[in-house]
Amino acid sequence: MTCETAFRTGATHYLCQLTAQHPATCAGEANALHAMRVAMTRLKTTIALFSPMVAGDEQLRLAAELKWLNAHLGIVRDLDVALERLAKIRDRTGASDRPWKQERAACQRHLTRALRSPRYRRLIADLTAWIENGDWSRKRAKKAAELRAQPADQYCSDTLKAWRAKLSKKSRKLKEFGARKRHRVRLANKRLSYAIEAAAELAPSSETPARQAMLKALRKAQKSLGQLNDDARFRALAAALGEDKMDGNDLALQPKQKKRLLRKATSAYEELAALEPPKISGS
């Protein structure tokens, strides 16, 4: 399979997953919103994976539009996560979720308007056309043609090795990072996980154990970093809603809990560094 075919196949698949969640997300269903956001992240990962081939003016414009959509999805998702945390301790602490639900309803209205807007419809139409016949597919230069014709298995193998090395370097001083830098490591972690999963169909079954071991370490780190990110987002939302006095109860992570999560993430990256990177090609 060539890179051109692999990109079209993967990007079309995730775009279809994204649009399939549109009606339920418009209706305010939290699970559909989460699935829509995951599909978008996987789509963006596929674009990033093949970025040397698809980069261009159209890609930059579409990236900006995806960022716009993700901002609307993200704030509602953050509120859903916060409400889940509140529900776990409400009976024990008497914490009120009314301000959070009101904010969630307001943000959902903004999201629904965005999803029903001409801008959203134009984005989906433009993405569909770009994946199928965008400027990247019409470049006549020799290098561009070679990138499109390159075997996808070898290309993905080389790219994932580079991403893995970059993540290992980023995560070395994880315990010293603030919330913003940890978040960037988390995004790189998620991108590598999704890219490995997307490229898995290109790999022979003999490489499955090595690939699964790598994913296990990445998911372990992702879980801990995700909890730390959720805590940071909760604190920021609480402050915005005037509910930051809740920091002293069970909702906010305590210093010992944060240290434990950082240890787990650091341990996961040490495991990752010790693994033999899985190949994607049979060569």
Protein backbone atom coordinates (compact mmCIF):
# COMPACT_ATOMS: atom_id res chain seq x y z
CA MET A 1 0.00 0.00 0.00
CA THR A 2 1.32 3.45 -0.90
CA CYS A 3 1.34 6.44 1.42
CA GLU A 4 -1.28 8.08 -0.78
CA THR A 5 -3.69 5.16 -0.39
CA ALA A 6 -2.96 4.72 3.33
CA PHE A 7 -3.62 8.39 4.05
CA ARG A 8 -6.88 8.49 2.11
CA THR A 9 -8.10 5.29 3.74
CA GLY A 10 -7.27 6.34 7.29
CA ALA A 11 -8.39 9.96 7.03
CA THR A 12 -11.69 9.02 5.38
CA HIS A 13 -12.37 6.42 8.09
CA TYR A 14 -11.88 8.88 10.96
CA LEU A 15 -13.79 11.65 9.22
CA CYS A 16 -16.75 9.27 8.86
CA GLN A 17 -16.47 8.41 12.58
CA LEU A 18 -16.53 12.10 13.40
CA THR A 19 -19.59 12.94 11.31
CA ALA A 20 -21.46 9.86 12.56
CA GLN A 21 -21.55 11.44 16.04
CA HIS A 22 -22.91 14.77 14.80
CA PRO A 23 -26.65 14.29 15.54
CA ALA A 24 -26.18 12.92 19.06
CA THR A 25 -23.55 15.54 19.91
CA CYS A 26 -25.92 18.29 18.77
CA ALA A 27 -28.52 16.77 21.11
CA GLY A 28 -26.14 17.07 24.06
CA GLU A 29 -25.15 13.41 24.55
CA ALA A 30 -21.86 13.30 26.47
CA ASN A 31 -20.71 9.92 25.09
CA ALA A 32 -21.26 11.04 21.51
CA LEU A 33 -19.32 14.24 22.13
CA HIS A 34 -16.42 12.25 23.55
CA ALA A 35 -16.47 9.87 20.58
CA MET A 36 -16.56 12.81 18.17
CA ARG A 37 -13.57 14.39 19.86
CA VAL A 38 -11.61 11.11 19.80
CA ALA A 39 -12.37 10.71 16.08
CA MET A 40 -11.13 14.25 15.46
CA THR A 41 -7.91 13.55 17.35
CA ARG A 42 -7.36 10.38 15.32
CA LEU A 43 -8.00 12.31 12.11
CA LYS A 44 -5.51 15.01 13.12
CA THR A 45 -2.99 12.27 14.03
CA THR A 46 -3.36 10.72 10.57
CA ILE A 47 -2.77 14.11 8.97
CA ALA A 48 0.30 14.64 11.17
CA LEU A 49 1.61 11.16 10.39
CA PHE A 50 1.63 11.94 6.67
CA SER A 51 2.45 15.64 7.04
CA PRO A 52 5.48 15.65 4.70
CA MET A 53 3.16 14.49 1.94
CA VAL A 54 0.01 16.51 2.67
CA ALA A 55 1.47 19.79 3.99
CA GLY A 56 0.37 22.91 2.14
CA ASP A 57 -1.91 25.93 2.19
CA GLU A 58 -5.09 23.85 2.26
CA GLN A 59 -3.80 21.74 5.14
CA LEU A 60 -2.97 24.85 7.19
CA ARG A 61 -6.41 26.35 6.59
CA LEU A 62 -8.18 23.11 7.53
CA ALA A 63 -6.00 22.74 10.64
CA ALA A 64 -7.20 26.16 11.80
CA GLU A 65 -10.82 25.16 11.22
CA LEU A 66 -10.35 21.88 13.13
CA LYS A 67 -8.87 23.90 15.99
CA TRP A 68 -12.02 26.06 16.01
CA LEU A 69 -14.25 23.00 16.20
CA ASN A 70 -12.09 21.32 18.83
CA ALA A 71 -12.34 24.39 21.08
CA HIS A 72 -16.15 24.07 21.12
CA LEU A 73 -15.99 20.33 21.77
CA GLY A 74 -13.24 20.63 24.35
CA ILE A 75 -14.92 23.00 26.78
CA VAL A 76 -18.07 20.87 26.95
CA ARG A 77 -16.00 17.72 27.40
CA ASP A 78 -14.05 19.36 30.24
CA LEU A 79 -17.33 20.20 31.96
CA ASP A 80 -18.59 16.62 31.50
CA VAL A 81 -15.43 15.30 33.19
CA ALA A 82 -15.86 17.82 36.02
CA LEU A 83 -19.49 16.77 36.51
CA GLU A 84 -18.43 13.13 36.68
CA ARG A 85 -16.01 14.03 39.46
CA LEU A 86 -18.70 15.99 41.31
CA ALA A 87 -21.13 13.08 41.08
CA LYS A 88 -18.67 10.76 42.83
CA ILE A 89 -18.46 12.87 45.98
CA ARG A 90 -21.76 14.81 45.99
CA ASP A 91 -23.53 12.55 48.48
CA ARG A 92 -20.56 12.56 50.84
CA THR A 93 -19.69 16.26 50.74
CA GLY A 94 -22.91 17.96 49.68
CA ALA A 95 -21.07 19.75 46.86
CA SER A 96 -23.47 21.49 44.48
CA ASP A 97 -23.17 20.87 40.75
CA ARG A 98 -25.78 23.45 39.76
CA PRO A 99 -23.32 26.14 38.51
CA TRP A 100 -21.47 23.48 36.54
CA LYS A 101 -24.64 22.17 34.91
CA GLN A 102 -25.70 25.69 34.01
CA GLU A 103 -22.33 26.35 32.41
CA ARG A 104 -22.49 23.01 30.61
CA ALA A 105 -25.91 23.85 29.18
CA ALA A 106 -24.68 27.26 28.00
CA CYS A 107 -21.58 25.80 26.35
CA GLN A 108 -23.68 23.03 24.76
CA ARG A 109 -25.88 25.69 23.15
CA HIS A 110 -22.78 27.31 21.65
CA LEU A 111 -21.53 23.90 20.48
CA THR A 112 -24.85 22.97 18.89
CA ARG A 113 -24.95 26.27 17.01
CA ALA A 114 -21.40 25.64 15.79
CA LEU A 115 -22.25 22.11 14.65
CA ARG A 116 -25.31 23.34 12.77
CA SER A 117 -23.54 26.31 11.22
CA PRO A 118 -22.51 26.80 7.57
CA ARG A 119 -18.93 26.94 8.84
CA TYR A 120 -19.11 23.36 10.14
CA ARG A 121 -20.78 22.07 6.96
CA ARG A 122 -18.14 23.82 4.88
CA LEU A 123 -15.36 22.28 7.00
CA ILE A 124 -16.67 18.74 6.49
CA ALA A 125 -17.15 19.31 2.75
CA ASP A 126 -13.68 20.83 2.41
CA LEU A 127 -12.05 18.02 4.40
CA THR A 128 -13.78 15.40 2.26
CA ALA A 129 -12.64 17.08 -0.95
CA TRP A 130 -9.10 17.66 0.34
CA ILE A 131 -8.62 14.05 1.43
CA GLU A 132 -9.81 12.80 -1.94
CA ASN A 133 -8.28 15.34 -4.31
CA GLY A 134 -6.51 18.09 -2.36
CA ASP A 135 -3.55 20.18 -3.46
CA TRP A 136 -1.21 17.57 -1.98
CA SER A 137 -2.42 14.96 -4.49
CA ARG A 138 -1.88 17.22 -7.52
CA LYS A 139 1.70 18.29 -6.94
CA ARG A 140 3.80 17.38 -9.99
CA ALA A 141 7.26 17.76 -8.45
CA LYS A 142 9.35 14.59 -8.39
CA LYS A 143 9.71 14.64 -4.58
CA ALA A 144 5.97 14.99 -4.07
CA ALA A 145 5.27 12.08 -6.41
CA GLU A 146 7.85 9.95 -4.60
CA LEU A 147 6.24 10.71 -1.23
CA ARG A 148 2.82 9.63 -2.51
CA ALA A 149 4.22 6.43 -4.03
CA GLN A 150 6.41 5.47 -1.05
CA PRO A 151 5.45 2.17 0.64
CA ALA A 152 3.35 3.12 3.67
CA ASP A 153 4.70 0.35 5.90
CA GLN A 154 8.31 1.52 5.72
CA TYR A 155 7.36 5.19 5.91
CA CYS A 156 5.24 4.64 9.04
CA SER A 157 7.97 2.52 10.63
CA ASP A 158 10.54 5.30 10.21
CA THR A 159 8.16 8.05 11.31
CA LEU A 160 6.96 6.24 14.43
CA LYS A 161 10.56 5.57 15.48
CA ALA A 162 11.23 9.31 15.20
CA TRP A 163 8.09 10.17 17.18
CA ARG A 164 9.02 7.62 19.85
CA ALA A 165 12.51 9.10 20.21
CA LYS A 166 11.07 12.62 20.45
CA LEU A 167 8.59 11.56 23.15
CA SER A 168 11.34 9.81 25.13
CA LYS A 169 13.40 13.00 25.04
CA LYS A 170 10.44 15.18 26.05
CA SER A 171 9.52 12.97 29.00
CA ARG A 172 12.97 12.77 30.62
CA LYS A 173 12.34 15.69 32.98
CA LEU A 174 8.63 15.06 33.43
CA LYS A 175 8.72 15.52 37.22
CA GLU A 176 10.07 19.04 36.77
CA PHE A 177 7.36 20.15 34.35
CA GLY A 178 4.41 22.39 35.09
CA ALA A 179 0.87 21.64 33.90
CA ARG A 180 1.38 23.19 30.45
CA LYS A 181 4.51 21.20 29.59
CA ARG A 182 3.00 17.99 30.99
CA HIS A 183 0.00 18.57 28.76
CA ARG A 184 2.25 18.80 25.71
CA VAL A 185 3.89 15.48 26.66
CA ARG A 186 0.41 13.99 27.08
CA LEU A 187 -0.60 15.14 23.60
CA ALA A 188 2.57 13.67 22.09
CA ASN A 189 1.88 10.44 23.98
CA LYS A 190 -1.67 10.26 22.63
CA ARG A 191 -0.54 11.07 19.11
CA LEU A 192 2.01 8.25 19.13
CA SER A 193 -0.54 5.77 20.55
CA TYR A 194 -3.11 6.62 17.91
CA ALA A 195 -0.52 6.53 15.13
CA ILE A 196 0.67 3.06 16.17
CA GLU A 197 -2.93 1.84 16.16
CA ALA A 198 -3.58 3.44 12.77
CA ALA A 199 -0.48 1.85 11.27
CA ALA A 200 -1.10 -1.57 12.83
CA GLU A 201 -2.92 -2.88 9.76
CA LEU A 202 0.26 -2.36 7.74
CA ALA A 203 2.29 -4.61 10.04
CA PRO A 204 2.55 -8.43 10.01
CA SER A 205 0.97 -10.29 12.92
CA SER A 206 4.42 -11.39 14.15
CA GLU A 207 5.02 -7.82 15.31
CA THR A 208 1.84 -7.64 17.38
CA PRO A 209 3.48 -8.49 20.77
CA ALA A 210 6.08 -5.73 20.45
CA ARG A 211 3.44 -3.25 19.33
CA GLN A 212 1.13 -4.18 22.21
CA ALA A 213 3.94 -3.81 24.75
CA MET A 214 4.65 -0.33 23.45
CA LEU A 215 0.98 0.61 23.58
CA LYS A 216 0.68 -0.74 27.12
CA ALA A 217 3.43 1.60 28.34
CA LEU A 218 1.96 4.54 26.44
CA ARG A 219 -1.51 3.92 27.86
CA LYS A 220 -0.12 3.64 31.37
CA ALA A 221 1.54 7.03 31.00
CA GLN A 222 -1.56 8.46 29.31
CA LYS A 223 -3.79 7.44 32.21
CA SER A 224 -1.65 9.18 34.81
CA LEU A 225 -1.05 12.28 32.70
CA GLY A 226 -4.77 12.38 31.88
CA GLN A 227 -5.68 12.48 35.56
CA LEU A 228 -3.22 15.30 36.14
CA ASN A 229 -4.60 17.21 33.16
CA ASP A 230 -8.20 16.69 34.31
CA ASP A 231 -7.23 18.08 37.71
CA ALA A 232 -5.63 21.17 36.15
CA ARG A 233 -8.67 21.75 33.93
CA PHE A 234 -11.03 21.26 36.88
CA ARG A 235 -9.16 23.83 38.94
CA ALA A 236 -9.24 26.33 36.08
CA LEU A 237 -12.98 25.81 35.52
CA ALA A 238 -13.68 26.01 39.26
CA ALA A 239 -11.89 29.36 39.42
CA ALA A 240 -13.80 30.65 36.38
CA LEU A 241 -17.12 29.63 37.96
CA GLY A 242 -16.20 31.00 41.38
CA GLU A 243 -16.13 27.48 42.79
CA ASP A 244 -12.41 27.34 43.54
CA LYS A 245 -13.08 27.02 47.27
CA MET A 246 -13.80 23.39 46.49
CA ASP A 247 -10.05 22.77 46.10
CA GLY A 248 -9.81 21.54 49.65
CA ASN A 249 -12.19 18.61 49.22
CA ASP A 250 -11.91 15.27 47.49
CA LEU A 251 -12.24 16.73 44.00
CA ALA A 252 -8.78 18.28 43.80
CA LEU A 253 -5.68 16.11 43.72
CA GLN A 254 -3.44 16.50 46.73
CA PRO A 255 0.37 16.86 46.41
CA LYS A 256 0.97 13.21 47.36
CA GLN A 257 -1.51 12.05 44.73
CA LYS A 258 0.18 14.17 42.07
CA LYS A 259 3.59 12.78 42.98
CA ARG A 260 2.26 9.23 42.74
CA LEU A 261 0.78 9.88 39.29
CA LEU A 262 4.04 11.44 38.12
CA ARG A 263 5.96 8.40 39.37
CA LYS A 264 3.65 6.11 37.44
CA ALA A 265 4.04 8.14 34.25
CA THR A 266 7.81 8.31 34.65
CA SER A 267 7.93 4.55 35.22
CA ALA A 268 5.88 3.99 32.06
CA TYR A 269 8.33 6.03 30.01
CA GLU A 270 11.24 4.09 31.46
CA GLU A 271 9.48 0.90 30.34
CA LEU A 272 8.93 2.40 26.92
CA ALA A 273 12.60 3.35 26.57
CA ALA A 274 13.63 -0.22 27.42
CA LEU A 275 11.45 -1.76 24.72
CA GLU A 276 12.60 -2.68 21.26
CA PRO A 277 10.55 -0.45 18.96
CA PRO A 278 8.05 -2.47 16.92
CA LYS A 279 8.61 -2.48 13.20
CA ILE A 280 5.79 -1.70 10.86
CA SER A 281 7.26 -3.34 7.79
CA GLY A 282 8.26 -6.91 7.22
CA SER A 283 11.66 -5.90 5.92
